[in-house]
Amino acid sequence: MANNNSNSSQINVPEAREAMRNMKHEVANELGITLNQGYNGNNISAKDAGHIGGNMVKKMIEAQERQMSGNSRF
């Protein structure tokens, strides 16, 4: 069932906050999108933000699939 949080980008595991931030910057760099530290809503387009988020989700799904298959190489 869906979580009824008003903030869909909430980090559910606080210990993962830094890793998520690092992943966001890594993905943005791979896509050639420049991010500043902190809030970037005024610096990038919604399209670029969507590309970053979509690629983050893709990487997380791939990592989980590898873990579930017993192949933990990243």
PDB file of N, CA and C in Angstrom:
ATOM      1  N   MET A   1       0.827  -1.170   0.000  1.00  0.00           N
ATOM      2  CA  MET A   1       0.000   0.000   0.000  1.00  0.00           C
ATOM      3  C   MET A   1       0.875   1.238   0.000  1.00  0.00           C
ATOM      4  N   ALA A   2       0.449   2.287  -0.641  1.00  0.00           N
ATOM      5  CA  ALA A   2       1.219   3.515  -0.769  1.00  0.00           C
ATOM      6  C   ALA A   2       1.355   4.215   0.571  1.00  0.00           C
ATOM      7  N   ASN A   3       2.515   4.818   0.768  1.00  0.00           N
ATOM      8  CA  ASN A   3       2.768   5.616   1.953  1.00  0.00           C
ATOM      9  C   ASN A   3       2.139   6.983   1.741  1.00  0.00           C
ATOM     10  N   ASN A   4       1.404   7.487   2.686  1.00  0.00           N
ATOM     11  CA  ASN A   4       0.684   8.746   2.532  1.00  0.00           C
ATOM     12  C   ASN A   4       1.487   9.944   2.999  1.00  0.00           C
ATOM     13  N   ASN A   5       2.771   9.974   2.729  1.00  0.00           N
ATOM     14  CA  ASN A   5       3.600  11.125   3.079  1.00  0.00           C
ATOM     15  C   ASN A   5       3.327  12.266   2.123  1.00  0.00           C
ATOM     16  N   SER A   6       3.356  13.486   2.649  1.00  0.00           N
ATOM     17  CA  SER A   6       3.171  14.643   1.783  1.00  0.00           C
ATOM     18  C   SER A   6       4.435  14.951   0.988  1.00  0.00           C
ATOM     19  N   ASN A   7       5.576  14.411   1.416  1.00  0.00           N
ATOM     20  CA  ASN A   7       6.846  14.634   0.729  1.00  0.00           C
ATOM     21  C   ASN A   7       7.309  13.315   0.130  1.00  0.00           C
ATOM     22  N   SER A   8       7.122  13.149  -1.164  1.00  0.00           N
ATOM     23  CA  SER A   8       7.455  11.881  -1.810  1.00  0.00           C
ATOM     24  C   SER A   8       8.952  11.627  -1.899  1.00  0.00           C
ATOM     25  N   SER A   9       9.778  12.635  -1.665  1.00  0.00           N
ATOM     26  CA  SER A   9      11.225  12.443  -1.737  1.00  0.00           C
ATOM     27  C   SER A   9      11.840  12.226  -0.362  1.00  0.00           C
ATOM     28  N   GLN A  10      11.033  11.891   0.617  1.00  0.00           N
ATOM     29  CA  GLN A  10      11.505  11.645   1.967  1.00  0.00           C
ATOM     30  C   GLN A  10      12.446  10.451   1.986  1.00  0.00           C
ATOM     31  N   ILE A  11      13.534  10.570   2.730  1.00  0.00           N
ATOM     32  CA  ILE A  11      14.458   9.458   2.911  1.00  0.00           C
ATOM     33  C   ILE A  11      13.912   8.601   4.045  1.00  0.00           C
ATOM     34  N   ASN A  12      13.549   7.355   3.759  1.00  0.00           N
ATOM     35  CA  ASN A  12      12.980   6.472   4.768  1.00  0.00           C
ATOM     36  C   ASN A  12      14.031   5.841   5.662  1.00  0.00           C
ATOM     37  N   VAL A  13      15.273   5.792   5.192  1.00  0.00           N
ATOM     38  CA  VAL A  13      16.379   5.264   5.982  1.00  0.00           C
ATOM     39  C   VAL A  13      17.388   6.396   6.140  1.00  0.00           C
ATOM     40  N   PRO A  14      17.331   7.110   7.271  1.00  0.00           N
ATOM     41  CA  PRO A  14      18.196   8.293   7.434  1.00  0.00           C
ATOM     42  C   PRO A  14      19.670   8.011   7.191  1.00  0.00           C
ATOM     43  N   GLU A  15      20.128   6.800   7.496  1.00  0.00           N
ATOM     44  CA  GLU A  15      21.541   6.457   7.294  1.00  0.00           C
ATOM     45  C   GLU A  15      21.917   6.470   5.808  1.00  0.00           C
ATOM     46  N   ALA A  16      20.934   6.454   4.913  1.00  0.00           N
ATOM     47  CA  ALA A  16      21.198   6.428   3.471  1.00  0.00           C
ATOM     48  C   ALA A  16      21.246   7.826   2.859  1.00  0.00           C
ATOM     49  N   ARG A  17      20.990   8.855   3.654  1.00  0.00           N
ATOM     50  CA  ARG A  17      20.897  10.220   3.130  1.00  0.00           C
ATOM     51  C   ARG A  17      22.138  10.632   2.326  1.00  0.00           C
ATOM     52  N   GLU A  18      23.304  10.410   2.874  1.00  0.00           N
ATOM     53  CA  GLU A  18      24.547  10.807   2.193  1.00  0.00           C
ATOM     54  C   GLU A  18      24.765   9.997   0.922  1.00  0.00           C
ATOM     55  N   ALA A  19      24.476   8.702   0.981  1.00  0.00           N
ATOM     56  CA  ALA A  19      24.632   7.852  -0.210  1.00  0.00           C
ATOM     57  C   ALA A  19      23.687   8.307  -1.317  1.00  0.00           C
ATOM     58  N   MET A  20      22.465   8.678  -0.965  1.00  0.00           N
ATOM     59  CA  MET A  20      21.503   9.159  -1.961  1.00  0.00           C
ATOM     60  C   MET A  20      21.982  10.479  -2.573  1.00  0.00           C
ATOM     61  N   ARG A  21      22.491  11.361  -1.742  1.00  0.00           N
ATOM     62  CA  ARG A  21      23.020  12.642  -2.238  1.00  0.00           C
ATOM     63  C   ARG A  21      24.178  12.388  -3.197  1.00  0.00           C
ATOM     64  N   ASN A  22      25.063  11.466  -2.827  1.00  0.00           N
ATOM     65  CA  ASN A  22      26.205  11.145  -3.692  1.00  0.00           C
ATOM     66  C   ASN A  22      25.737  10.545  -5.004  1.00  0.00           C
ATOM     67  N   MET A  23      24.741   9.658  -4.938  1.00  0.00           N
ATOM     68  CA  MET A  23      24.222   9.040  -6.155  1.00  0.00           C
ATOM     69  C   MET A  23      23.610  10.106  -7.066  1.00  0.00           C
ATOM     70  N   LYS A  24      22.879  11.041  -6.482  1.00  0.00           N
ATOM     71  CA  LYS A  24      22.254  12.103  -7.278  1.00  0.00           C
ATOM     72  C   LYS A  24      23.320  12.892  -8.037  1.00  0.00           C
ATOM     73  N   HIS A  25      24.401  13.242  -7.360  1.00  0.00           N
ATOM     74  CA  HIS A  25      25.460  14.012  -8.016  1.00  0.00           C
ATOM     75  C   HIS A  25      26.212  13.166  -9.046  1.00  0.00           C
ATOM     76  N   GLU A  26      26.401  11.882  -8.753  1.00  0.00           N
ATOM     77  CA  GLU A  26      27.063  10.986  -9.706  1.00  0.00           C
ATOM     78  C   GLU A  26      26.226  10.852 -10.978  1.00  0.00           C
ATOM     79  N   VAL A  27      24.931  10.628 -10.825  1.00  0.00           N
ATOM     80  CA  VAL A  27      24.043  10.479 -11.984  1.00  0.00           C
ATOM     81  C   VAL A  27      23.994  11.776 -12.779  1.00  0.00           C
ATOM     82  N   ALA A  28      23.868  12.899 -12.090  1.00  0.00           N
ATOM     83  CA  ALA A  28      23.840  14.196 -12.779  1.00  0.00           C
ATOM     84  C   ALA A  28      25.120  14.392 -13.586  1.00  0.00           C
ATOM     85  N   ASN A  29      26.249  14.045 -13.004  1.00  0.00           N
ATOM     86  CA  ASN A  29      27.525  14.172 -13.695  1.00  0.00           C
ATOM     87  C   ASN A  29      27.566  13.281 -14.936  1.00  0.00           C
ATOM     88  N   GLU A  30      27.088  12.044 -14.807  1.00  0.00           N
ATOM     89  CA  GLU A  30      27.035  11.128 -15.952  1.00  0.00           C
ATOM     90  C   GLU A  30      26.169  11.688 -17.075  1.00  0.00           C
ATOM     91  N   LEU A  31      25.108  12.427 -16.706  1.00  0.00           N
ATOM     92  CA  LEU A  31      24.194  12.999 -17.693  1.00  0.00           C
ATOM     93  C   LEU A  31      24.649  14.372 -18.191  1.00  0.00           C
ATOM     94  N   GLY A  32      25.745  14.881 -17.632  1.00  0.00           N
ATOM     95  CA  GLY A  32      26.245  16.196 -18.041  1.00  0.00           C
ATOM     96  C   GLY A  32      25.438  17.350 -17.464  1.00  0.00           C
ATOM     97  N   ILE A  33      24.781  17.108 -16.327  1.00  0.00           N
ATOM     98  CA  ILE A  33      23.971  18.133 -15.669  1.00  0.00           C
ATOM     99  C   ILE A  33      24.732  18.619 -14.447  1.00  0.00           C
ATOM    100  N   THR A  34      24.915  19.921 -14.337  1.00  0.00           N
ATOM    101  CA  THR A  34      25.643  20.502 -13.221  1.00  0.00           C
ATOM    102  C   THR A  34      24.701  20.771 -12.062  1.00  0.00           C
ATOM    103  N   LEU A  35      25.045  20.206 -10.899  1.00  0.00           N
ATOM    104  CA  LEU A  35      24.275  20.453  -9.685  1.00  0.00           C
ATOM    105  C   LEU A  35      25.139  21.207  -8.690  1.00  0.00           C
ATOM    106  N   ASN A  36      24.515  22.094  -7.965  1.00  0.00           N
ATOM    107  CA  ASN A  36      25.164  22.756  -6.840  1.00  0.00           C
ATOM    108  C   ASN A  36      24.842  21.968  -5.585  1.00  0.00           C
ATOM    109  N   GLN A  37      25.603  22.200  -4.514  1.00  0.00           N
ATOM    110  CA  GLN A  37      25.251  21.598  -3.229  1.00  0.00           C
ATOM    111  C   GLN A  37      23.953  22.223  -2.768  1.00  0.00           C
ATOM    112  N   GLY A  38      23.095  21.454  -2.147  1.00  0.00           N
ATOM    113  CA  GLY A  38      21.840  21.976  -1.636  1.00  0.00           C
ATOM    114  C   GLY A  38      20.748  21.986  -2.692  1.00  0.00           C
ATOM    115  N   TYR A  39      19.851  22.938  -2.576  1.00  0.00           N
ATOM    116  CA  TYR A  39      18.675  23.031  -3.437  1.00  0.00           C
ATOM    117  C   TYR A  39      19.055  23.433  -4.857  1.00  0.00           C
ATOM    118  N   ASN A  40      18.495  22.744  -5.853  1.00  0.00           N
ATOM    119  CA  ASN A  40      18.792  23.029  -7.259  1.00  0.00           C
ATOM    120  C   ASN A  40      17.550  23.337  -8.070  1.00  0.00           C
ATOM    121  N   GLY A  41      16.423  23.511  -7.413  1.00  0.00           N
ATOM    122  CA  GLY A  41      15.167  23.750  -8.110  1.00  0.00           C
ATOM    123  C   GLY A  41      15.169  24.967  -9.002  1.00  0.00           C
ATOM    124  N   ASN A  42      15.976  25.943  -8.686  1.00  0.00           N
ATOM    125  CA  ASN A  42      16.060  27.146  -9.513  1.00  0.00           C
ATOM    126  C   ASN A  42      17.155  27.066 -10.565  1.00  0.00           C
ATOM    127  N   ASN A  43      17.938  25.986 -10.523  1.00  0.00           N
ATOM    128  CA  ASN A  43      19.114  25.884 -11.398  1.00  0.00           C
ATOM    129  C   ASN A  43      18.965  24.906 -12.552  1.00  0.00           C
ATOM    130  N   ILE A  44      18.039  23.953 -12.434  1.00  0.00           N
ATOM    131  CA  ILE A  44      17.886  22.948 -13.484  1.00  0.00           C
ATOM    132  C   ILE A  44      16.416  22.861 -13.891  1.00  0.00           C
ATOM    133  N   SER A  45      16.198  22.356 -15.081  1.00  0.00           N
ATOM    134  CA  SER A  45      14.828  22.219 -15.581  1.00  0.00           C
ATOM    135  C   SER A  45      14.158  20.996 -14.959  1.00  0.00           C
ATOM    136  N   ALA A  46      12.838  20.983 -15.009  1.00  0.00           N
ATOM    137  CA  ALA A  46      12.091  19.823 -14.528  1.00  0.00           C
ATOM    138  C   ALA A  46      12.463  18.581 -15.337  1.00  0.00           C
ATOM    139  N   LYS A  47      12.725  18.764 -16.612  1.00  0.00           N
ATOM    140  CA  LYS A  47      13.115  17.649 -17.466  1.00  0.00           C
ATOM    141  C   LYS A  47      14.432  17.036 -16.983  1.00  0.00           C
ATOM    142  N   ASP A  48      15.424  17.888 -16.682  1.00  0.00           N
ATOM    143  CA  ASP A  48      16.706  17.384 -16.186  1.00  0.00           C
ATOM    144  C   ASP A  48      16.543  16.712 -14.828  1.00  0.00           C
ATOM    145  N   ALA A  49      15.724  17.300 -13.957  1.00  0.00           N
ATOM    146  CA  ALA A  49      15.479  16.695 -12.643  1.00  0.00           C
ATOM    147  C   ALA A  49      14.851  15.315 -12.825  1.00  0.00           C
ATOM    148  N   GLY A  50      13.940  15.187 -13.764  1.00  0.00           N
ATOM    149  CA  GLY A  50      13.319  13.903 -14.045  1.00  0.00           C
ATOM    150  C   GLY A  50      14.297  12.882 -14.569  1.00  0.00           C
ATOM    151  N   HIS A  51      15.219  13.327 -15.415  1.00  0.00           N
ATOM    152  CA  HIS A  51      16.253  12.414 -15.931  1.00  0.00           C
ATOM    153  C   HIS A  51      17.123  11.916 -14.785  1.00  0.00           C
ATOM    154  N   ILE A  52      17.492  12.819 -13.885  1.00  0.00           N
ATOM    155  CA  ILE A  52      18.330  12.424 -12.754  1.00  0.00           C
ATOM    156  C   ILE A  52      17.588  11.408 -11.888  1.00  0.00           C
ATOM    157  N   GLY A  53      16.363  11.735 -11.501  1.00  0.00           N
ATOM    158  CA  GLY A  53      15.581  10.835 -10.648  1.00  0.00           C
ATOM    159  C   GLY A  53      15.319   9.498 -11.300  1.00  0.00           C
ATOM    160  N   GLY A  54      14.979   9.512 -12.573  1.00  0.00           N
ATOM    161  CA  GLY A  54      14.712   8.267 -13.284  1.00  0.00           C
ATOM    162  C   GLY A  54      15.928   7.369 -13.357  1.00  0.00           C
ATOM    163  N   ASN A  55      17.076   7.970 -13.588  1.00  0.00           N
ATOM    164  CA  ASN A  55      18.310   7.176 -13.655  1.00  0.00           C
ATOM    165  C   ASN A  55      18.722   6.664 -12.277  1.00  0.00           C
ATOM    166  N   MET A  56      18.422   7.446 -11.229  1.00  0.00           N
ATOM    167  CA  MET A  56      18.693   6.967  -9.872  1.00  0.00           C
ATOM    168  C   MET A  56      17.849   5.727  -9.579  1.00  0.00           C
ATOM    169  N   VAL A  57      16.580   5.786  -9.927  1.00  0.00           N
ATOM    170  CA  VAL A  57      15.686   4.645  -9.702  1.00  0.00           C
ATOM    171  C   VAL A  57      16.177   3.433 -10.492  1.00  0.00           C
ATOM    172  N   LYS A  58      16.567   3.649 -11.727  1.00  0.00           N
ATOM    173  CA  LYS A  58      17.070   2.551 -12.553  1.00  0.00           C
ATOM    174  C   LYS A  58      18.277   1.885 -11.897  1.00  0.00           C
ATOM    175  N   LYS A  59      19.215   2.691 -11.382  1.00  0.00           N
ATOM    176  CA  LYS A  59      20.406   2.142 -10.728  1.00  0.00           C
ATOM    177  C   LYS A  59      20.042   1.391  -9.447  1.00  0.00           C
ATOM    178  N   MET A  60      19.080   1.916  -8.687  1.00  0.00           N
ATOM    179  CA  MET A  60      18.679   1.246  -7.449  1.00  0.00           C
ATOM    180  C   MET A  60      17.997  -0.084  -7.746  1.00  0.00           C
ATOM    181  N   ILE A  61      17.178  -0.125  -8.774  1.00  0.00           N
ATOM    182  CA  ILE A  61      16.521  -1.377  -9.158  1.00  0.00           C
ATOM    183  C   ILE A  61      17.559  -2.388  -9.620  1.00  0.00           C
ATOM    184  N   GLU A  62      18.506  -1.957 -10.430  1.00  0.00           N
ATOM    185  CA  GLU A  62      19.556  -2.872 -10.894  1.00  0.00           C
ATOM    186  C   GLU A  62      20.360  -3.418  -9.717  1.00  0.00           C
ATOM    187  N   ALA A  63      20.690  -2.569  -8.749  1.00  0.00           N
ATOM    188  CA  ALA A  63      21.450  -3.015  -7.580  1.00  0.00           C
ATOM    189  C   ALA A  63      20.644  -4.035  -6.777  1.00  0.00           C
ATOM    190  N   GLN A  64      19.364  -3.789  -6.608  1.00  0.00           N
ATOM    191  CA  GLN A  64      18.519  -4.724  -5.864  1.00  0.00           C
ATOM    192  C   GLN A  64      18.385  -6.050  -6.611  1.00  0.00           C
ATOM    193  N   GLU A  65      18.239  -5.990  -7.914  1.00  0.00           N
ATOM    194  CA  GLU A  65      18.155  -7.223  -8.704  1.00  0.00           C
ATOM    195  C   GLU A  65      19.433  -8.035  -8.570  1.00  0.00           C
ATOM    196  N   ARG A  66      20.591  -7.356  -8.598  1.00  0.00           N
ATOM    197  CA  ARG A  66      21.864  -8.063  -8.432  1.00  0.00           C
ATOM    198  C   ARG A  66      21.931  -8.703  -7.056  1.00  0.00           C
ATOM    199  N   GLN A  67      21.511  -7.966  -6.029  1.00  0.00           N
ATOM    200  CA  GLN A  67      21.540  -8.495  -4.676  1.00  0.00           C
ATOM    201  C   GLN A  67      20.622  -9.710  -4.554  1.00  0.00           C
ATOM    202  N   MET A  68      19.448  -9.628  -5.144  1.00  0.00           N
ATOM    203  CA  MET A  68      18.495 -10.731  -5.072  1.00  0.00           C
ATOM    204  C   MET A  68      18.979 -11.955  -5.838  1.00  0.00           C
ATOM    205  N   SER A  69      19.771 -11.735  -6.872  1.00  0.00           N
ATOM    206  CA  SER A  69      20.280 -12.857  -7.661  1.00  0.00           C
ATOM    207  C   SER A  69      21.539 -13.464  -7.047  1.00  0.00           C
ATOM    208  N   GLY A  70      22.060 -12.813  -6.006  1.00  0.00           N
ATOM    209  CA  GLY A  70      23.275 -13.309  -5.367  1.00  0.00           C
ATOM    210  C   GLY A  70      24.538 -12.747  -5.964  1.00  0.00           C
ATOM    211  N   ASN A  71      24.417 -11.885  -6.962  1.00  0.00           N
ATOM    212  CA  ASN A  71      25.562 -11.259  -7.600  1.00  0.00           C
ATOM    213  C   ASN A  71      25.634  -9.821  -7.111  1.00  0.00           C
ATOM    214  N   SER A  72      26.431  -9.565  -6.076  1.00  0.00           N
ATOM    215  CA  SER A  72      26.443  -8.252  -5.452  1.00  0.00           C
ATOM    216  C   SER A  72      27.441  -7.275  -6.077  1.00  0.00           C
ATOM    217  N   ARG A  73      27.999  -7.621  -7.237  1.00  0.00           N
ATOM    218  CA  ARG A  73      28.923  -6.694  -7.911  1.00  0.00           C
ATOM    219  C   ARG A  73      28.164  -5.471  -8.379  1.00  0.00           C
ATOM    220  N   PHE A  74      28.749  -4.298  -8.190  1.00  0.00           N
ATOM    221  CA  PHE A  74      28.141  -3.057  -8.659  1.00  0.00           C
ATOM    222  C   PHE A  74      28.979  -2.566  -9.752  1.00  0.00           C
TER     223      PHE A  74
END
